[in-house]
Structure formats: C-alpha cells, structure tokens
C-alpha cells in the first residue's frame, strides 16, 4: 500500500509528481518578472545605500591592484619586445 500525501486543503495527492518519459525533452515555460514598486522606508533605503557604498571599497582596492598588475605585465612585455627589436637593429 502506498503512502498518501495530503495538501493543505486535505485532498489526497499522488506520492510523487509525474515524471517525463525517458528520452523526451523537458521544456519549461519562460517567465519574465517586472518590478514595478519597492516598498521600503526612506531611512532603511539610506542605510542600505551607505552599506552598499562601503562594500564597494574592497572591490575598488582589488580592481586597483589587478589594474596595476596588468600595467606591470604589459610594460614588462613591451620592454622585452623593445629590447629584442633594438638588438636586431645593431
């Protein structure tokens, strides 16, 4: 005997949701969401924006060091190419 599952209204449900057959493609409906309003108190929004601003500081520091590293690597590469080209012209 199978176990019966009941929803909140008390109606009997199947023990498992129906499964698609093997080898058959499963398609899902594409849904879009449009946000039309956010109900948030003003000072909560201000606090959120301040936290958001503070959270960008470590990200900017990280991006700065990545940029410095890229400039360093590209300058070393170009210096090597320049030295190699100068050696060919002598």
C-alpha atoms as a PDB file:
ATOM      1  CA  UNK A   1       0.000   0.000   0.000  1.00  0.00           C
ATOM      2  CA  UNK A   2       1.365   3.433  -0.959  1.00  0.00           C
ATOM      3  CA  UNK A   3       1.575   6.310   1.448  1.00  0.00           C
ATOM      4  CA  UNK A   4      -0.984   9.024   0.836  1.00  0.00           C
ATOM      5  CA  UNK A   5       0.130  12.649   0.762  1.00  0.00           C
ATOM      6  CA  UNK A   6      -2.316  15.428   1.517  1.00  0.00           C
ATOM      7  CA  UNK A   7      -2.200  19.094   0.555  1.00  0.00           C
ATOM      8  CA  UNK A   8      -3.234  21.921   2.899  1.00  0.00           C
ATOM      9  CA  UNK A   9      -6.899  21.547   1.940  1.00  0.00           C
ATOM     10  CA  UNK A  10      -6.814  17.858   2.857  1.00  0.00           C
ATOM     11  CA  UNK A  11      -7.112  16.473  -0.665  1.00  0.00           C
ATOM     12  CA  UNK A  12      -5.150  13.307  -1.405  1.00  0.00           C
ATOM     13  CA  UNK A  13      -2.169  13.830  -3.678  1.00  0.00           C
ATOM     14  CA  UNK A  14      -0.083  11.457  -5.769  1.00  0.00           C
ATOM     15  CA  UNK A  15       3.009  10.239  -3.887  1.00  0.00           C
ATOM     16  CA  UNK A  16       5.346  11.704  -6.491  1.00  0.00           C
ATOM     17  CA  UNK A  17       4.928  14.342  -9.170  1.00  0.00           C
ATOM     18  CA  UNK A  18       4.565  12.910 -12.675  1.00  0.00           C
ATOM     19  CA  UNK A  19       7.900  12.425 -14.384  1.00  0.00           C
ATOM     20  CA  UNK A  20       8.514  12.971 -18.084  1.00  0.00           C
ATOM     21  CA  UNK A  21       9.240   9.844 -20.111  1.00  0.00           C
ATOM     22  CA  UNK A  22      12.814   8.822 -20.716  1.00  0.00           C
ATOM     23  CA  UNK A  23      14.369  10.448 -23.775  1.00  0.00           C
ATOM     24  CA  UNK A  24      11.645  13.054 -24.109  1.00  0.00           C
ATOM     25  CA  UNK A  25      12.799  16.669 -23.925  1.00  0.00           C
ATOM     26  CA  UNK A  26      11.577  18.671 -20.973  1.00  0.00           C
ATOM     27  CA  UNK A  27      10.503  22.209 -21.781  1.00  0.00           C
ATOM     28  CA  UNK A  28       9.988  24.908 -19.221  1.00  0.00           C
ATOM     29  CA  UNK A  29       7.850  27.968 -19.698  1.00  0.00           C
ATOM     30  CA  UNK A  30       9.909  31.143 -19.776  1.00  0.00           C
ATOM     31  CA  UNK A  31       8.593  33.761 -17.432  1.00  0.00           C
ATOM     32  CA  UNK A  32       9.610  37.379 -17.101  1.00  0.00           C
ATOM     33  CA  UNK A  33       9.420  39.451 -13.959  1.00  0.00           C
ATOM     34  CA  UNK A  34       8.936  43.213 -13.961  1.00  0.00           C
ATOM     35  CA  UNK A  35       9.439  45.038 -10.671  1.00  0.00           C
ATOM     36  CA  UNK A  36       7.085  47.998 -10.516  1.00  0.00           C
ATOM     37  CA  UNK A  37       7.471  49.129  -6.918  1.00  0.00           C
ATOM     38  CA  UNK A  38       9.634  48.578  -3.863  1.00  0.00           C
ATOM     39  CA  UNK A  39       8.048  49.483  -0.547  1.00  0.00           C
ATOM     40  CA  UNK A  40      10.911  50.376   1.762  1.00  0.00           C
ATOM     41  CA  UNK A  41      11.142  53.067   4.423  1.00  0.00           C
ATOM     42  CA  UNK A  42      13.330  56.035   3.491  1.00  0.00           C
ATOM     43  CA  UNK A  43      15.893  55.616   6.278  1.00  0.00           C
ATOM     44  CA  UNK A  44      16.184  51.900   5.596  1.00  0.00           C
ATOM     45  CA  UNK A  45      16.962  52.776   1.976  1.00  0.00           C
ATOM     46  CA  UNK A  46      19.570  55.314   3.128  1.00  0.00           C
ATOM     47  CA  UNK A  47      21.200  52.719   5.406  1.00  0.00           C
ATOM     48  CA  UNK A  48      21.182  50.186   2.563  1.00  0.00           C
ATOM     49  CA  UNK A  49      22.855  52.659   0.190  1.00  0.00           C
ATOM     50  CA  UNK A  50      25.523  53.537   2.780  1.00  0.00           C
ATOM     51  CA  UNK A  51      26.297  49.842   3.312  1.00  0.00           C
ATOM     52  CA  UNK A  52      26.381  49.365  -0.448  1.00  0.00           C
ATOM     53  CA  UNK A  53      28.861  52.240  -0.791  1.00  0.00           C
ATOM     54  CA  UNK A  54      31.092  50.882   1.971  1.00  0.00           C
ATOM     55  CA  UNK A  55      31.020  47.430   0.348  1.00  0.00           C
ATOM     56  CA  UNK A  56      32.453  48.876  -2.879  1.00  0.00           C
ATOM     57  CA  UNK A  57      35.684  49.970  -1.156  1.00  0.00           C
ATOM     58  CA  UNK A  58      37.301  46.491  -1.042  1.00  0.00           C
ATOM     59  CA  UNK A  59      36.142  45.857  -4.604  1.00  0.00           C
ATOM     60  CA  UNK A  60      37.804  49.065  -5.800  1.00  0.00           C
ATOM     61  CA  UNK A  61      41.031  48.183  -3.970  1.00  0.00           C
ATOM     62  CA  UNK A  62      41.021  44.760  -5.609  1.00  0.00           C
ATOM     63  CA  UNK A  63      40.360  46.235  -9.059  1.00  0.00           C
ATOM     64  CA  UNK A  64      43.163  48.754  -8.492  1.00  0.00           C
ATOM     65  CA  UNK A  65      45.699  46.006  -7.775  1.00  0.00           C
ATOM     66  CA  UNK A  66      44.509  43.973 -10.750  1.00  0.00           C
ATOM     67  CA  UNK A  67      44.973  47.062 -12.934  1.00  0.00           C
ATOM     68  CA  UNK A  68      48.458  47.704 -11.529  1.00  0.00           C
ATOM     69  CA  UNK A  69      49.360  44.071 -12.229  1.00  0.00           C
ATOM     70  CA  UNK A  70      48.114  44.293 -15.806  1.00  0.00           C
ATOM     71  CA  UNK A  71      50.023  47.519 -16.425  1.00  0.00           C
ATOM     72  CA  UNK A  72      53.159  45.959 -14.928  1.00  0.00           C
ATOM     73  CA  UNK A  73      52.873  42.820 -17.074  1.00  0.00           C
ATOM     74  CA  UNK A  74      52.173  44.756 -20.258  1.00  0.00           C
ATOM     75  CA  UNK A  75      55.067  47.160 -19.617  1.00  0.00           C
ATOM     76  CA  UNK A  76      57.429  44.256 -18.991  1.00  0.00           C
ATOM     77  CA  UNK A  77      56.244  42.577 -22.210  1.00  0.00           C
ATOM     78  CA  UNK A  78      56.661  45.751 -24.241  1.00  0.00           C
ATOM     79  CA  UNK A  79      60.077  46.417 -22.690  1.00  0.00           C
ATOM     80  CA  UNK A  80      61.144  42.911 -23.701  1.00  0.00           C
ATOM     81  CA  UNK A  81      59.846  43.400 -27.247  1.00  0.00           C
ATOM     82  CA  UNK A  82      61.617  46.765 -27.435  1.00  0.00           C
ATOM     83  CA  UNK A  83      64.890  45.267 -26.219  1.00  0.00           C
ATOM     84  CA  UNK A  84      64.603  42.434 -28.720  1.00  0.00           C
ATOM     85  CA  UNK A  85      63.917  44.837 -31.588  1.00  0.00           C
ATOM     86  CA  UNK A  86      66.789  47.106 -30.528  1.00  0.00           C
ATOM     87  CA  UNK A  87      69.134  44.120 -30.504  1.00  0.00           C
ATOM     88  CA  UNK A  88      68.138  43.283 -34.107  1.00  0.00           C
ATOM     89  CA  UNK A  89      68.950  46.775 -35.392  1.00  0.00           C
ATOM     90  CA  UNK A  90      72.525  46.891 -34.073  1.00  0.00           C
END
